[in-house]
Amino acid sequence: MPKPTRDRMVDAAIDALRHEGLSGMSFTDIVADSGVARGAIYHHFPGGKRQLALEAAELNGQEVLHHLSALSGDSPRDVAEKFVEAIRPVVAESASGSGCAVAAVTVGSQGNDRELRAVANQAFTAWASQLGSALTTAGMEQAPANSLATLFVTVLEGAHVLCRAAESVEPFEASARSLLALVAEPPTNEPSQPKT
């Protein structure tokens, strides 16, 4: 069963934000990609492009949060490794010209559009909170877990930009190695061997 018209338009807007950014997102592309009549845009989104971008960013933020909610591990290092593996394919798309739909609404908009920035901030905060919960469940103290979770999100968003600019995943791989080095495995409780 095909998706409802409104949902197809939001999906097309997410794709447009990822590839063209907010300023490059056009109704022509939305109509072509969603297969709807142009008149449907203002019927479903009387606030026009801005309303469509807001809803697209909000939905994409929720989709990412859903994926992150499935991420867990036996140790903070395990969580970090699973996070890196989970985002690697997404970042690889950035090397081919994609990006983050949520981040897209923070740039290319009018400087006083706080609502667009608020949607992005809400998504990023929710992602960090979810990752922080995964880290604390895996045994990390709350304060360092929250800081590390924010670093996770920063690596993800920074990798989108750097990998797109470089047309390579190497900036992400370098950042991932550094991130994992920060999350050392806990020491084992094996008894030390006596010196001879």
Foldseek 3Di string as FASTA:
>chain_A
DDDDLLVLLLVQLQQCCFFPFLQRDDLVSSCVRSVDDSVVQCVNVVVHSVSSLLVSLLVLLVVVLVVLLPQADLALLSSLVVLLVVCLVVLLVLLVRTAGSLVRLVPPDPPPPVSSVVSSVVSLQSQLVSQLVRNVVNPDDNPVSSVLSNVSSVLSRVSSVVSNVVSHSVSSVVSSVVSSVVRDDDDDPDDDDDDD
